[in-house]
Amino acid sequence: MSRIIAFDVNETLLDLGGLDPVFERVFGTARARETWFSQVLQSAMTTTILGRYHDFSSIAAGAMTQTAERYGVSLSQKDRDAIAGGMRSLPPHPDVAPALRRMGDAGLRMVALTNSAPQAARAQLDNAGLSDFFEEIMSVDMAQTLKPAPEVYNTAARSMLATAQEMRLVAAHAWDIAGAMNAGWAGAFLARPGQVWDPLFDQPDIIGATMDDIATAIIATDLDTDT
């Protein structure tokens, strides 16, 4: 059985550090970017737990308001637009394109699965030069809930006409991998700097420090060489 490999986008494929210059200008420190994205994830989790749905752009905008209050900054619409535009033009991590090319050349089917809204996700991957690697670019919008809700992974598998056992998620977030595994998928945790596995959850069978490590393990594990 060859699994379909799904990739998270923000932080896994794309480098949020690309936003640091605009955060430095607006907030006086690039560290505000980490504060903001942590709030984005917290708000997304809260929304999901409460059974409500707000698209990722709305959550990101709300988190920006909270971050501005924390830093005592008055945000102009121009500032908000600069950050939103920066999200759509994030650079890929240097290890991403070569690893995706290796997996594609090996014959693996690959899709993107992101909390970003459909148009934003397409723009992000187009601008990063990664869109052509993926058979589909899937947004949680199709499930009307956010990762790590099981409906996201179930809907993604159905859209690919695959069972949960035929899917694997690659992500740099332990909570995302845990959500996918809870839905019956396999996981591959990309331990980018600052990202560590959560000991509350069973570890996936693949953990790597770079996307190249992940690609090597996936090619060895998930590629059906008999077909």
C-alpha atoms as a PDB file:
ATOM      1  CA  MET A   1       0.000   0.000   0.000  1.00  0.00           C
ATOM      2  CA  SER A   2       1.320   3.428  -0.964  1.00  0.00           C
ATOM      3  CA  ARG A   3       0.027   6.079   1.382  1.00  0.00           C
ATOM      4  CA  ILE A   4      -1.073   9.532   0.277  1.00  0.00           C
ATOM      5  CA  ILE A   5       1.154  12.065   2.018  1.00  0.00           C
ATOM      6  CA  ALA A   6      -0.541  15.217   3.316  1.00  0.00           C
ATOM      7  CA  PHE A   7       1.498  18.224   4.411  1.00  0.00           C
ATOM      8  CA  ASP A   8       0.627  20.966   6.838  1.00  0.00           C
ATOM      9  CA  VAL A   9       1.594  24.352   5.397  1.00  0.00           C
ATOM     10  CA  ASN A  10       2.369  27.083   7.951  1.00  0.00           C
ATOM     11  CA  GLU A  11       5.664  26.401   9.777  1.00  0.00           C
ATOM     12  CA  THR A  12       5.922  22.934   8.207  1.00  0.00           C
ATOM     13  CA  LEU A  13       6.452  24.009   4.590  1.00  0.00           C
ATOM     14  CA  LEU A  14       6.588  27.795   4.946  1.00  0.00           C
ATOM     15  CA  ASP A  15       8.827  29.867   7.209  1.00  0.00           C
ATOM     16  CA  LEU A  16       6.903  32.296   9.406  1.00  0.00           C
ATOM     17  CA  GLY A  17      10.211  34.053  10.002  1.00  0.00           C
ATOM     18  CA  GLY A  18       9.484  35.819   6.728  1.00  0.00           C
ATOM     19  CA  LEU A  19       7.090  38.005   8.729  1.00  0.00           C
ATOM     20  CA  ASP A  20       9.759  39.193  11.164  1.00  0.00           C
ATOM     21  CA  PRO A  21      10.652  42.440   9.325  1.00  0.00           C
ATOM     22  CA  VAL A  22       7.052  43.685   9.331  1.00  0.00           C
ATOM     23  CA  PHE A  23       6.571  42.722  12.988  1.00  0.00           C
ATOM     24  CA  GLU A  24       9.822  44.495  13.823  1.00  0.00           C
ATOM     25  CA  ARG A  25       8.532  47.623  12.096  1.00  0.00           C
ATOM     26  CA  VAL A  26       5.020  47.539  13.560  1.00  0.00           C
ATOM     27  CA  PHE A  27       5.693  46.247  17.081  1.00  0.00           C
ATOM     28  CA  GLY A  28       9.325  47.194  17.600  1.00  0.00           C
ATOM     29  CA  THR A  29      10.355  43.553  17.996  1.00  0.00           C
ATOM     30  CA  ALA A  30      10.194  40.457  15.839  1.00  0.00           C
ATOM     31  CA  ARG A  31       9.285  38.454  18.951  1.00  0.00           C
ATOM     32  CA  ALA A  32       5.755  39.804  18.600  1.00  0.00           C
ATOM     33  CA  ARG A  33       5.343  37.441  15.669  1.00  0.00           C
ATOM     34  CA  GLU A  34       5.697  34.455  18.012  1.00  0.00           C
ATOM     35  CA  THR A  35       3.230  36.025  20.455  1.00  0.00           C
ATOM     36  CA  TRP A  36       0.761  36.554  17.635  1.00  0.00           C
ATOM     37  CA  PHE A  37       0.993  33.053  16.160  1.00  0.00           C
ATOM     38  CA  SER A  38       0.702  31.439  19.592  1.00  0.00           C
ATOM     39  CA  GLN A  39      -2.506  33.412  20.063  1.00  0.00           C
ATOM     40  CA  VAL A  40      -3.699  32.313  16.615  1.00  0.00           C
ATOM     41  CA  LEU A  41      -3.281  28.666  17.617  1.00  0.00           C
ATOM     42  CA  GLN A  42      -4.908  29.212  21.021  1.00  0.00           C
ATOM     43  CA  SER A  43      -7.920  30.925  19.459  1.00  0.00           C
ATOM     44  CA  ALA A  44      -8.191  28.216  16.800  1.00  0.00           C
ATOM     45  CA  MET A  45      -8.184  25.494  19.460  1.00  0.00           C
ATOM     46  CA  THR A  46     -10.798  27.325  21.540  1.00  0.00           C
ATOM     47  CA  THR A  47     -13.026  27.799  18.511  1.00  0.00           C
ATOM     48  CA  THR A  48     -12.769  24.112  17.679  1.00  0.00           C
ATOM     49  CA  ILE A  49     -13.453  22.926  21.235  1.00  0.00           C
ATOM     50  CA  LEU A  50     -16.547  25.138  21.410  1.00  0.00           C
ATOM     51  CA  GLY A  51     -17.843  23.627  18.181  1.00  0.00           C
ATOM     52  CA  ARG A  52     -17.809  26.917  16.298  1.00  0.00           C
ATOM     53  CA  TYR A  53     -16.138  27.792  13.033  1.00  0.00           C
ATOM     54  CA  HIS A  54     -14.288  30.957  12.123  1.00  0.00           C
ATOM     55  CA  ASP A  55     -12.005  30.923   9.112  1.00  0.00           C
ATOM     56  CA  PHE A  56      -8.291  31.174   9.748  1.00  0.00           C
ATOM     57  CA  SER A  57      -8.038  34.727   8.399  1.00  0.00           C
ATOM     58  CA  SER A  58     -10.621  35.941  10.923  1.00  0.00           C
ATOM     59  CA  ILE A  59      -8.816  34.150  13.739  1.00  0.00           C
ATOM     60  CA  ALA A  60      -5.489  35.637  12.641  1.00  0.00           C
ATOM     61  CA  ALA A  61      -7.017  39.130  12.557  1.00  0.00           C
ATOM     62  CA  GLY A  62      -8.478  38.709  16.036  1.00  0.00           C
ATOM     63  CA  ALA A  63      -5.139  37.482  17.356  1.00  0.00           C
ATOM     64  CA  MET A  64      -3.504  40.537  15.796  1.00  0.00           C
ATOM     65  CA  THR A  65      -5.846  42.796  17.783  1.00  0.00           C
ATOM     66  CA  GLN A  66      -4.953  40.950  20.992  1.00  0.00           C
ATOM     67  CA  THR A  67      -1.239  41.162  20.231  1.00  0.00           C
ATOM     68  CA  ALA A  68      -1.497  44.897  19.594  1.00  0.00           C
ATOM     69  CA  GLU A  69      -3.203  45.349  22.970  1.00  0.00           C
ATOM     70  CA  ARG A  70      -0.492  43.337  24.707  1.00  0.00           C
ATOM     71  CA  TYR A  71       2.245  45.463  23.154  1.00  0.00           C
ATOM     72  CA  GLY A  72       0.386  48.753  23.503  1.00  0.00           C
ATOM     73  CA  VAL A  73       0.472  49.323  19.747  1.00  0.00           C
ATOM     74  CA  SER A  74      -2.170  51.052  17.641  1.00  0.00           C
ATOM     75  CA  LEU A  75      -2.537  49.073  14.420  1.00  0.00           C
ATOM     76  CA  SER A  76      -3.445  50.848  11.212  1.00  0.00           C
ATOM     77  CA  GLN A  77      -5.229  49.082   8.374  1.00  0.00           C
ATOM     78  CA  LYS A  78      -1.998  49.422   6.419  1.00  0.00           C
ATOM     79  CA  ASP A  79      -0.191  47.463   9.145  1.00  0.00           C
ATOM     80  CA  ARG A  80      -2.839  44.742   9.106  1.00  0.00           C
ATOM     81  CA  ASP A  81      -2.690  44.525   5.324  1.00  0.00           C
ATOM     82  CA  ALA A  82       1.103  44.253   5.426  1.00  0.00           C
ATOM     83  CA  ILE A  83       0.951  41.296   7.801  1.00  0.00           C
ATOM     84  CA  ALA A  84      -1.847  39.593   5.854  1.00  0.00           C
ATOM     85  CA  GLY A  85       0.102  40.109   2.643  1.00  0.00           C
ATOM     86  CA  GLY A  86       3.200  38.724   4.295  1.00  0.00           C
ATOM     87  CA  MET A  87       1.320  35.555   5.230  1.00  0.00           C
ATOM     88  CA  ARG A  88       0.460  35.018   1.568  1.00  0.00           C
ATOM     89  CA  SER A  89       4.077  35.407   0.464  1.00  0.00           C
ATOM     90  CA  LEU A  90       5.983  33.415   3.086  1.00  0.00           C
ATOM     91  CA  PRO A  91       9.177  31.768   1.839  1.00  0.00           C
ATOM     92  CA  PRO A  92       9.486  27.989   1.929  1.00  0.00           C
ATOM     93  CA  HIS A  93      11.975  26.451   4.315  1.00  0.00           C
ATOM     94  CA  PRO A  94      15.123  25.630   2.301  1.00  0.00           C
ATOM     95  CA  ASP A  95      14.745  21.875   2.829  1.00  0.00           C
ATOM     96  CA  VAL A  96      11.187  21.698   1.484  1.00  0.00           C
ATOM     97  CA  ALA A  97      11.372  21.812  -2.323  1.00  0.00           C
ATOM     98  CA  PRO A  98      14.221  19.269  -2.660  1.00  0.00           C
ATOM     99  CA  ALA A  99      12.442  16.835  -0.336  1.00  0.00           C
ATOM    100  CA  LEU A 100       9.094  17.229  -2.099  1.00  0.00           C
ATOM    101  CA  ARG A 101      10.833  16.668  -5.425  1.00  0.00           C
ATOM    102  CA  ARG A 102      12.411  13.458  -4.110  1.00  0.00           C
ATOM    103  CA  MET A 103       9.065  12.144  -2.913  1.00  0.00           C
ATOM    104  CA  GLY A 104       7.310  13.100  -6.121  1.00  0.00           C
ATOM    105  CA  ASP A 105      10.020  11.504  -8.242  1.00  0.00           C
ATOM    106  CA  ALA A 106       9.659   8.342  -6.148  1.00  0.00           C
ATOM    107  CA  GLY A 107       5.996   8.165  -7.141  1.00  0.00           C
ATOM    108  CA  LEU A 108       4.303   9.282  -3.930  1.00  0.00           C
ATOM    109  CA  ARG A 109       1.002  11.154  -4.138  1.00  0.00           C
ATOM    110  CA  MET A 110       1.116  14.389  -2.146  1.00  0.00           C
ATOM    111  CA  VAL A 111      -1.499  16.891  -1.002  1.00  0.00           C
ATOM    112  CA  ALA A 112      -1.492  19.970   1.213  1.00  0.00           C
ATOM    113  CA  LEU A 113      -3.862  20.187   4.195  1.00  0.00           C
ATOM    114  CA  THR A 114      -4.016  23.519   5.971  1.00  0.00           C
ATOM    115  CA  ASN A 115      -6.064  25.626   8.362  1.00  0.00           C
ATOM    116  CA  SER A 116      -5.688  28.516   5.909  1.00  0.00           C
ATOM    117  CA  ALA A 117      -8.697  29.462   3.779  1.00  0.00           C
ATOM    118  CA  PRO A 118      -8.749  27.987   0.237  1.00  0.00           C
ATOM    119  CA  GLN A 119      -7.731  31.120  -1.669  1.00  0.00           C
ATOM    120  CA  ALA A 120      -5.075  32.006   0.899  1.00  0.00           C
ATOM    121  CA  ALA A 121      -3.633  28.485   0.811  1.00  0.00           C
ATOM    122  CA  ARG A 122      -3.426  28.522  -2.974  1.00  0.00           C
ATOM    123  CA  ALA A 123      -1.768  31.957  -2.931  1.00  0.00           C
ATOM    124  CA  GLN A 124       0.725  30.856  -0.273  1.00  0.00           C
ATOM    125  CA  LEU A 125       1.859  27.787  -2.178  1.00  0.00           C
ATOM    126  CA  ASP A 126       1.830  29.555  -5.557  1.00  0.00           C
ATOM    127  CA  ASN A 127       4.013  32.356  -4.196  1.00  0.00           C
ATOM    128  CA  ALA A 128       6.362  29.843  -2.567  1.00  0.00           C
ATOM    129  CA  GLY A 129       6.709  27.916  -5.833  1.00  0.00           C
ATOM    130  CA  LEU A 130       5.359  24.713  -4.276  1.00  0.00           C
ATOM    131  CA  SER A 131       1.874  24.286  -5.764  1.00  0.00           C
ATOM    132  CA  ASP A 132       2.935  21.961  -8.558  1.00  0.00           C
ATOM    133  CA  PHE A 133       4.132  19.340  -6.091  1.00  0.00           C
ATOM    134  CA  PHE A 134       0.600  18.733  -4.825  1.00  0.00           C
ATOM    135  CA  GLU A 135      -2.269  16.800  -6.333  1.00  0.00           C
ATOM    136  CA  GLU A 136      -4.704  18.818  -4.207  1.00  0.00           C
ATOM    137  CA  ILE A 137      -4.488  21.850  -1.927  1.00  0.00           C
ATOM    138  CA  MET A 138      -7.082  21.203   0.767  1.00  0.00           C
ATOM    139  CA  SER A 139      -8.385  23.652   3.340  1.00  0.00           C
ATOM    140  CA  VAL A 140     -10.256  22.934   6.563  1.00  0.00           C
ATOM    141  CA  ASP A 141     -13.003  25.078   5.057  1.00  0.00           C
ATOM    142  CA  MET A 142     -14.302  21.893   3.415  1.00  0.00           C
ATOM    143  CA  ALA A 143     -15.060  20.462   6.875  1.00  0.00           C
ATOM    144  CA  GLN A 144     -16.182  23.758   8.459  1.00  0.00           C
ATOM    145  CA  THR A 145     -13.951  23.148  11.447  1.00  0.00           C
ATOM    146  CA  LEU A 146     -10.253  23.495  12.194  1.00  0.00           C
ATOM    147  CA  LYS A 147      -7.464  21.024  12.807  1.00  0.00           C
ATOM    148  CA  PRO A 148      -7.089  18.975  14.971  1.00  0.00           C
ATOM    149  CA  ALA A 149     -10.822  18.130  14.822  1.00  0.00           C
ATOM    150  CA  PRO A 150     -11.269  14.608  13.391  1.00  0.00           C
ATOM    151  CA  GLU A 151     -13.747  15.885  10.796  1.00  0.00           C
ATOM    152  CA  VAL A 152     -10.888  17.625   8.970  1.00  0.00           C
ATOM    153  CA  TYR A 153      -8.857  14.459   8.482  1.00  0.00           C
ATOM    154  CA  ASN A 154     -11.940  12.338   7.746  1.00  0.00           C
ATOM    155  CA  THR A 155     -13.132  14.794   5.107  1.00  0.00           C
ATOM    156  CA  ALA A 156      -9.676  15.007   3.535  1.00  0.00           C
ATOM    157  CA  ALA A 157      -9.394  11.224   3.270  1.00  0.00           C
ATOM    158  CA  ARG A 158     -12.855  10.948   1.716  1.00  0.00           C
ATOM    159  CA  SER A 159     -12.022  13.661  -0.803  1.00  0.00           C
ATOM    160  CA  MET A 160      -9.027  11.569  -1.899  1.00  0.00           C
ATOM    161  CA  LEU A 161     -11.181   8.398  -2.035  1.00  0.00           C
ATOM    162  CA  ALA A 162      -8.855   6.906   0.557  1.00  0.00           C
ATOM    163  CA  THR A 163      -9.216   5.206   3.905  1.00  0.00           C
ATOM    164  CA  ALA A 164      -7.641   6.701   7.013  1.00  0.00           C
ATOM    165  CA  GLN A 165      -5.019   3.949   6.912  1.00  0.00           C
ATOM    166  CA  GLU A 166      -3.980   5.144   3.457  1.00  0.00           C
ATOM    167  CA  MET A 167      -3.153   8.650   4.694  1.00  0.00           C
ATOM    168  CA  ARG A 168      -0.127  10.146   6.456  1.00  0.00           C
ATOM    169  CA  LEU A 169       0.258  13.706   7.733  1.00  0.00           C
ATOM    170  CA  VAL A 170       3.589  15.530   7.837  1.00  0.00           C
ATOM    171  CA  ALA A 171       3.554  18.469  10.245  1.00  0.00           C
ATOM    172  CA  ALA A 172       5.809  20.462  12.548  1.00  0.00           C
ATOM    173  CA  HIS A 173       3.078  20.625  15.218  1.00  0.00           C
ATOM    174  CA  ALA A 174       2.574  17.778  17.671  1.00  0.00           C
ATOM    175  CA  TRP A 175      -1.107  18.675  18.105  1.00  0.00           C
ATOM    176  CA  ASP A 176      -1.711  18.322  14.351  1.00  0.00           C
ATOM    177  CA  ILE A 177      -0.017  14.930  14.168  1.00  0.00           C
ATOM    178  CA  ALA A 178      -1.925  13.801  17.271  1.00  0.00           C
ATOM    179  CA  GLY A 179      -5.185  14.864  15.619  1.00  0.00           C
ATOM    180  CA  ALA A 180      -4.382  12.968  12.432  1.00  0.00           C
ATOM    181  CA  MET A 181      -3.383   9.836  14.337  1.00  0.00           C
ATOM    182  CA  ASN A 182      -6.571  10.069  16.403  1.00  0.00           C
ATOM    183  CA  ALA A 183      -8.452   9.922  13.083  1.00  0.00           C
ATOM    184  CA  GLY A 184      -6.577   6.767  12.083  1.00  0.00           C
ATOM    185  CA  TRP A 185      -3.871   8.344   9.933  1.00  0.00           C
ATOM    186  CA  ALA A 186      -0.151   7.742  10.212  1.00  0.00           C
ATOM    187  CA  GLY A 187       1.974  10.710  11.224  1.00  0.00           C
ATOM    188  CA  ALA A 188       5.416  12.122  10.522  1.00  0.00           C
ATOM    189  CA  PHE A 189       6.567  14.765  12.991  1.00  0.00           C
ATOM    190  CA  LEU A 190       8.988  17.346  11.627  1.00  0.00           C
ATOM    191  CA  ALA A 191      10.945  18.581  14.643  1.00  0.00           C
ATOM    192  CA  ARG A 192      11.864  22.026  13.390  1.00  0.00           C
ATOM    193  CA  PRO A 193      13.839  24.224  15.822  1.00  0.00           C
ATOM    194  CA  GLY A 194      11.692  24.916  18.869  1.00  0.00           C
ATOM    195  CA  GLN A 195       9.205  22.148  18.060  1.00  0.00           C
ATOM    196  CA  VAL A 196       9.183  19.090  20.338  1.00  0.00           C
ATOM    197  CA  TRP A 197       6.897  16.102  20.631  1.00  0.00           C
ATOM    198  CA  ASP A 198       4.146  16.210  23.273  1.00  0.00           C
ATOM    199  CA  PRO A 199       4.676  13.309  25.728  1.00  0.00           C
ATOM    200  CA  LEU A 200       0.914  13.070  26.354  1.00  0.00           C
ATOM    201  CA  PHE A 201       0.463  11.416  22.949  1.00  0.00           C
ATOM    202  CA  ASP A 202       1.820   8.271  21.322  1.00  0.00           C
ATOM    203  CA  GLN A 203       4.733   9.071  19.049  1.00  0.00           C
ATOM    204  CA  PRO A 204       4.339   8.621  15.295  1.00  0.00           C
ATOM    205  CA  ASP A 205       6.537   6.053  13.595  1.00  0.00           C
ATOM    206  CA  ILE A 206       8.425   8.800  11.741  1.00  0.00           C
ATOM    207  CA  ILE A 207      10.172  11.726  13.436  1.00  0.00           C
ATOM    208  CA  GLY A 208      12.824  13.788  11.683  1.00  0.00           C
ATOM    209  CA  ALA A 209      14.759  17.002  12.209  1.00  0.00           C
ATOM    210  CA  THR A 210      14.620  18.017   8.538  1.00  0.00           C
ATOM    211  CA  MET A 211      12.256  17.496   5.642  1.00  0.00           C
ATOM    212  CA  ASP A 212      14.982  15.443   3.993  1.00  0.00           C
ATOM    213  CA  ASP A 213      14.923  13.069   6.987  1.00  0.00           C
ATOM    214  CA  ILE A 214      11.148  12.842   6.669  1.00  0.00           C
ATOM    215  CA  ALA A 215      11.336  12.174   2.925  1.00  0.00           C
ATOM    216  CA  THR A 216      13.883   9.387   3.357  1.00  0.00           C
ATOM    217  CA  ALA A 217      11.754   7.648   5.986  1.00  0.00           C
ATOM    218  CA  ILE A 218       8.504   8.040   4.043  1.00  0.00           C
ATOM    219  CA  ILE A 219       9.992   6.692   0.813  1.00  0.00           C
ATOM    220  CA  ALA A 220      11.294   3.682   2.739  1.00  0.00           C
ATOM    221  CA  THR A 221       8.028   3.124   4.628  1.00  0.00           C
ATOM    222  CA  ASP A 222       5.070   4.255   2.543  1.00  0.00           C
ATOM    223  CA  LEU A 223       5.970   3.563  -1.064  1.00  0.00           C
ATOM    224  CA  ASP A 224       4.483   0.379  -2.500  1.00  0.00           C
ATOM    225  CA  THR A 225       7.259  -0.856  -4.770  1.00  0.00           C
ATOM    226  CA  ASP A 226       5.083  -3.697  -6.096  1.00  0.00           C
ATOM    227  CA  THR A 227       2.827  -1.344  -8.072  1.00  0.00           C
END
